[in-house]
Every structure is written in structure tokens, then in C-alpha cells.
C-alpha atoms as a PDB file:
ATOM      1  CA  MET A   1      -1.556 -48.337   5.672  1.00  0.00           C
ATOM      2  CA  THR A   2      -5.123 -47.778   4.715  1.00  0.00           C
ATOM      3  CA  GLN A   3      -6.043 -44.510   3.029  1.00  0.00           C
ATOM      4  CA  HIS A   4      -9.067 -42.551   4.224  1.00  0.00           C
ATOM      5  CA  THR A   5     -12.210 -43.135   2.136  1.00  0.00           C
ATOM      6  CA  SER A   6     -14.342 -40.565   0.555  1.00  0.00           C
ATOM      7  CA  LEU A   7     -17.574 -42.247   1.948  1.00  0.00           C
ATOM      8  CA  PRO A   8     -18.695 -40.002   4.962  1.00  0.00           C
ATOM      9  CA  SER A   9     -20.062 -41.655   7.989  1.00  0.00           C
ATOM     10  CA  ASP A  10     -23.445 -40.029   7.435  1.00  0.00           C
ATOM     11  CA  LEU A  11     -23.891 -42.211   4.279  1.00  0.00           C
ATOM     12  CA  LEU A  12     -23.746 -45.455   6.439  1.00  0.00           C
ATOM     13  CA  PRO A  13     -27.006 -46.925   7.556  1.00  0.00           C
ATOM     14  CA  ILE A  14     -28.240 -45.531  10.814  1.00  0.00           C
ATOM     15  CA  THR A  15     -27.918 -48.932  12.418  1.00  0.00           C
ATOM     16  CA  VAL A  16     -24.268 -49.115  11.677  1.00  0.00           C
ATOM     17  CA  ARG A  17     -23.605 -45.460  12.743  1.00  0.00           C
ATOM     18  CA  GLU A  18     -25.455 -45.856  16.065  1.00  0.00           C
ATOM     19  CA  PHE A  19     -23.826 -49.252  16.750  1.00  0.00           C
ATOM     20  CA  PHE A  20     -20.374 -47.620  16.203  1.00  0.00           C
ATOM     21  CA  ALA A  21     -21.175 -44.636  18.326  1.00  0.00           C
ATOM     22  CA  ALA A  22     -21.976 -46.910  21.296  1.00  0.00           C
ATOM     23  CA  HIS A  23     -19.177 -49.430  20.556  1.00  0.00           C
ATOM     24  CA  VAL A  24     -16.499 -46.720  20.509  1.00  0.00           C
ATOM     25  CA  ILE A  25     -17.440 -45.507  23.989  1.00  0.00           C
ATOM     26  CA  ARG A  26     -17.724 -49.120  25.210  1.00  0.00           C
ATOM     27  CA  ASP A  27     -21.453 -48.990  25.754  1.00  0.00           C
ATOM     28  CA  ALA A  28     -22.212 -52.611  25.133  1.00  0.00           C
ATOM     29  CA  GLY A  29     -25.879 -52.446  26.173  1.00  0.00           C
ATOM     30  CA  THR A  30     -26.657 -49.773  23.615  1.00  0.00           C
ATOM     31  CA  ALA A  31     -24.505 -51.341  21.043  1.00  0.00           C
ATOM     32  CA  SER A  32     -26.288 -54.759  21.511  1.00  0.00           C
ATOM     33  CA  SER A  33     -29.600 -53.095  20.977  1.00  0.00           C
ATOM     34  CA  PHE A  34     -28.779 -52.770  17.179  1.00  0.00           C
ATOM     35  CA  LEU A  35     -28.231 -56.620  16.956  1.00  0.00           C
ATOM     36  CA  ALA A  36     -30.766 -59.066  15.786  1.00  0.00           C
ATOM     37  CA  GLU A  37     -31.800 -61.789  18.390  1.00  0.00           C
ATOM     38  CA  ASP A  38     -30.012 -64.456  16.162  1.00  0.00           C
ATOM     39  CA  VAL A  39     -26.959 -62.334  15.249  1.00  0.00           C
ATOM     40  CA  VAL A  40     -23.740 -64.067  14.551  1.00  0.00           C
ATOM     41  CA  VAL A  41     -20.513 -62.182  15.540  1.00  0.00           C
ATOM     42  CA  VAL A  42     -17.061 -63.414  14.468  1.00  0.00           C
ATOM     43  CA  ASP A  43     -14.029 -61.823  15.809  1.00  0.00           C
ATOM     44  CA  GLN A  44     -10.533 -63.129  14.831  1.00  0.00           C
ATOM     45  CA  GLY A  45     -12.028 -66.546  14.165  1.00  0.00           C
ATOM     46  CA  GLU A  46     -14.061 -66.838  17.388  1.00  0.00           C
ATOM     47  CA  THR A  47     -17.719 -67.139  16.884  1.00  0.00           C
ATOM     48  CA  PHE A  48     -20.577 -65.642  19.238  1.00  0.00           C
ATOM     49  CA  ARG A  49     -24.114 -66.646  18.428  1.00  0.00           C
ATOM     50  CA  GLY A  50     -27.320 -64.670  19.614  1.00  0.00           C
ATOM     51  CA  ARG A  51     -27.635 -61.321  21.150  1.00  0.00           C
ATOM     52  CA  GLU A  52     -26.683 -62.517  24.625  1.00  0.00           C
ATOM     53  CA  GLU A  53     -23.329 -63.980  23.633  1.00  0.00           C
ATOM     54  CA  ALA A  54     -22.547 -60.985  21.350  1.00  0.00           C
ATOM     55  CA  HIS A  55     -23.447 -58.655  24.253  1.00  0.00           C
ATOM     56  CA  ALA A  56     -20.912 -60.477  26.434  1.00  0.00           C
ATOM     57  CA  PHE A  57     -18.223 -60.199  23.783  1.00  0.00           C
ATOM     58  CA  LEU A  58     -18.851 -56.525  23.161  1.00  0.00           C
ATOM     59  CA  ARG A  59     -18.744 -55.886  26.881  1.00  0.00           C
ATOM     60  CA  ASP A  60     -15.580 -57.880  27.532  1.00  0.00           C
ATOM     61  CA  ALA A  61     -13.486 -57.619  24.352  1.00  0.00           C
ATOM     62  CA  GLY A  62     -10.330 -55.482  24.900  1.00  0.00           C
ATOM     63  CA  SER A  63     -11.480 -54.461  28.373  1.00  0.00           C
ATOM     64  CA  GLU A  64      -8.080 -55.048  29.696  1.00  0.00           C
ATOM     65  CA  PHE A  65      -6.492 -52.520  27.416  1.00  0.00           C
ATOM     66  CA  GLU A  66      -6.627 -48.710  26.879  1.00  0.00           C
ATOM     67  CA  TYR A  67      -7.103 -47.711  23.241  1.00  0.00           C
ATOM     68  CA  THR A  68      -8.622 -45.189  20.889  1.00  0.00           C
ATOM     69  CA  THR A  69     -10.719 -46.068  17.838  1.00  0.00           C
ATOM     70  CA  GLU A  70     -10.853 -43.973  14.624  1.00  0.00           C
ATOM     71  CA  GLN A  71     -12.880 -44.783  11.603  1.00  0.00           C
ATOM     72  CA  ILE A  72     -10.641 -44.578   8.604  1.00  0.00           C
ATOM     73  CA  GLY A  73     -12.786 -46.136   5.904  1.00  0.00           C
ATOM     74  CA  ALA A  74     -16.136 -47.332   4.828  1.00  0.00           C
ATOM     75  CA  HIS A  75     -17.877 -48.658   1.813  1.00  0.00           C
ATOM     76  CA  ARG A  76     -21.054 -50.280   0.684  1.00  0.00           C
ATOM     77  CA  VAL A  77     -20.902 -53.760  -0.658  1.00  0.00           C
ATOM     78  CA  ASP A  78     -24.704 -54.008  -1.487  1.00  0.00           C
ATOM     79  CA  ASP A  79     -27.856 -52.881   0.123  1.00  0.00           C
ATOM     80  CA  ALA A  80     -27.428 -55.161   3.136  1.00  0.00           C
ATOM     81  CA  HIS A  81     -23.610 -55.306   3.521  1.00  0.00           C
ATOM     82  CA  TRP A  82     -21.282 -52.617   4.609  1.00  0.00           C
ATOM     83  CA  VAL A  83     -17.542 -52.539   5.713  1.00  0.00           C
ATOM     84  CA  VAL A  84     -16.214 -50.070   8.142  1.00  0.00           C
ATOM     85  CA  THR A  85     -12.435 -49.881   8.662  1.00  0.00           C
ATOM     86  CA  VAL A  86     -11.106 -48.717  12.020  1.00  0.00           C
ATOM     87  CA  ARG A  87      -7.598 -47.937  13.319  1.00  0.00           C
ATOM     88  CA  LEU A  88      -6.978 -48.910  17.012  1.00  0.00           C
ATOM     89  CA  GLU A  89      -4.110 -47.521  18.939  1.00  0.00           C
ATOM     90  CA  GLY A  90      -3.441 -48.444  22.489  1.00  0.00           C
ATOM     91  CA  THR A  91      -1.767 -50.663  25.126  1.00  0.00           C
ATOM     92  CA  PHE A  92      -2.457 -53.972  23.462  1.00  0.00           C
ATOM     93  CA  PRO A  93       0.327 -56.059  21.842  1.00  0.00           C
ATOM     94  CA  GLY A  94       1.399 -54.385  18.594  1.00  0.00           C
ATOM     95  CA  ARG A  95       0.021 -51.082  19.824  1.00  0.00           C
ATOM     96  CA  VAL A  96      -1.686 -50.360  16.392  1.00  0.00           C
ATOM     97  CA  ALA A  97      -4.278 -52.355  14.430  1.00  0.00           C
ATOM     98  CA  GLU A  98      -6.453 -51.827  11.437  1.00  0.00           C
ATOM     99  CA  LEU A  99      -9.633 -53.847  11.506  1.00  0.00           C
ATOM    100  CA  ASP A 100     -12.547 -54.347   9.048  1.00  0.00           C
ATOM    101  CA  TYR A 101     -16.064 -54.582  10.694  1.00  0.00           C
ATOM    102  CA  ARG A 102     -18.214 -56.311   8.041  1.00  0.00           C
ATOM    103  CA  PHE A 103     -21.862 -55.817   8.661  1.00  0.00           C
ATOM    104  CA  GLY A 104     -24.763 -57.765   7.380  1.00  0.00           C
ATOM    105  CA  LEU A 105     -28.047 -56.033   8.005  1.00  0.00           C
ATOM    106  CA  ARG A 106     -31.577 -57.545   8.081  1.00  0.00           C
ATOM    107  CA  ASP A 107     -34.769 -55.575   8.950  1.00  0.00           C
ATOM    108  CA  ASP A 108     -32.622 -52.600  10.168  1.00  0.00           C
ATOM    109  CA  LEU A 109     -30.685 -54.780  12.570  1.00  0.00           C
ATOM    110  CA  ILE A 110     -27.168 -56.250  12.507  1.00  0.00           C
ATOM    111  CA  ALA A 111     -27.614 -59.906  11.644  1.00  0.00           C
ATOM    112  CA  GLU A 112     -23.929 -60.632  11.140  1.00  0.00           C
ATOM    113  CA  LEU A 113     -20.728 -58.835  12.133  1.00  0.00           C
ATOM    114  CA  VAL A 114     -17.300 -60.165  11.165  1.00  0.00           C
ATOM    115  CA  ILE A 115     -14.279 -58.414  12.630  1.00  0.00           C
ATOM    116  CA  ALA A 116     -10.990 -59.141  10.958  1.00  0.00           C
ATOM    117  CA  ASN A 117      -7.608 -57.601  10.300  1.00  0.00           C
ATOM    118  CA  HIS A 118      -7.699 -55.148   7.530  1.00  0.00           C
ATOM    119  CA  PRO A 119      -5.665 -56.392   4.459  1.00  0.00           C
ATOM    120  CA  ALA A 120      -2.323 -54.579   4.181  1.00  0.00           C
END
């Protein structure tokens, strides 16, 4: 399993921090406000283009399950790219998942978000 990182959340860009704060409580409207109009979101191979599609994805994804989200890692790739690793535990198949949220930022907004299984 993933080990906790030494990078504290307060070192993440405010856009990423605020997106996650809203996303964790399933506030898709607020989370979507941090997305660029032409955002591209990829989740497990499915692509959502534009803020409207991404908002619908954020609103509906996992809504049939109960789960908790815990940030267990984060690192900076470069000035515009950050990765946040989360652990989900809940009523979905498998009950536990570790996911990487790979953010691409542009003009203080999320231009790209790729959500994928964290490598074991």
C-alpha cells in the first residue's frame, strides 16, 4: 500500500486544495468552479470534455455508493502538474481503492484531471 507523503496539503496549489475540499464533500458545483471551460477529465479511461460534462461526472460519479476519502499522498511534478493520491473506503466493489488524481493547471484553473488507480 501507499506510504504517506511528507508533502503537506497546504503546499498544494490553492486551486487543487479547494477543488478537493469541495469534491470530498460531493459539492460538484463548487468543485466545478475550479475547472477551466475546456477542461478534460479522464476517469478510468472514460473522457469528459468541457466544464459541463465534467460537472455532470463530478456530480454523478460514485453517487450510488457510500465511501470516505482520505488524502494519503501528494507531490509536485512541475509548476503546472501535481499528483494527489487518495484512499477510498466504502460500499463499492472491492471496498478499498487508492487513486491518483493527476492535475494539469493553467491560469489558476484545472485544465486537465486524470483519475487512475495508484500503482501498487
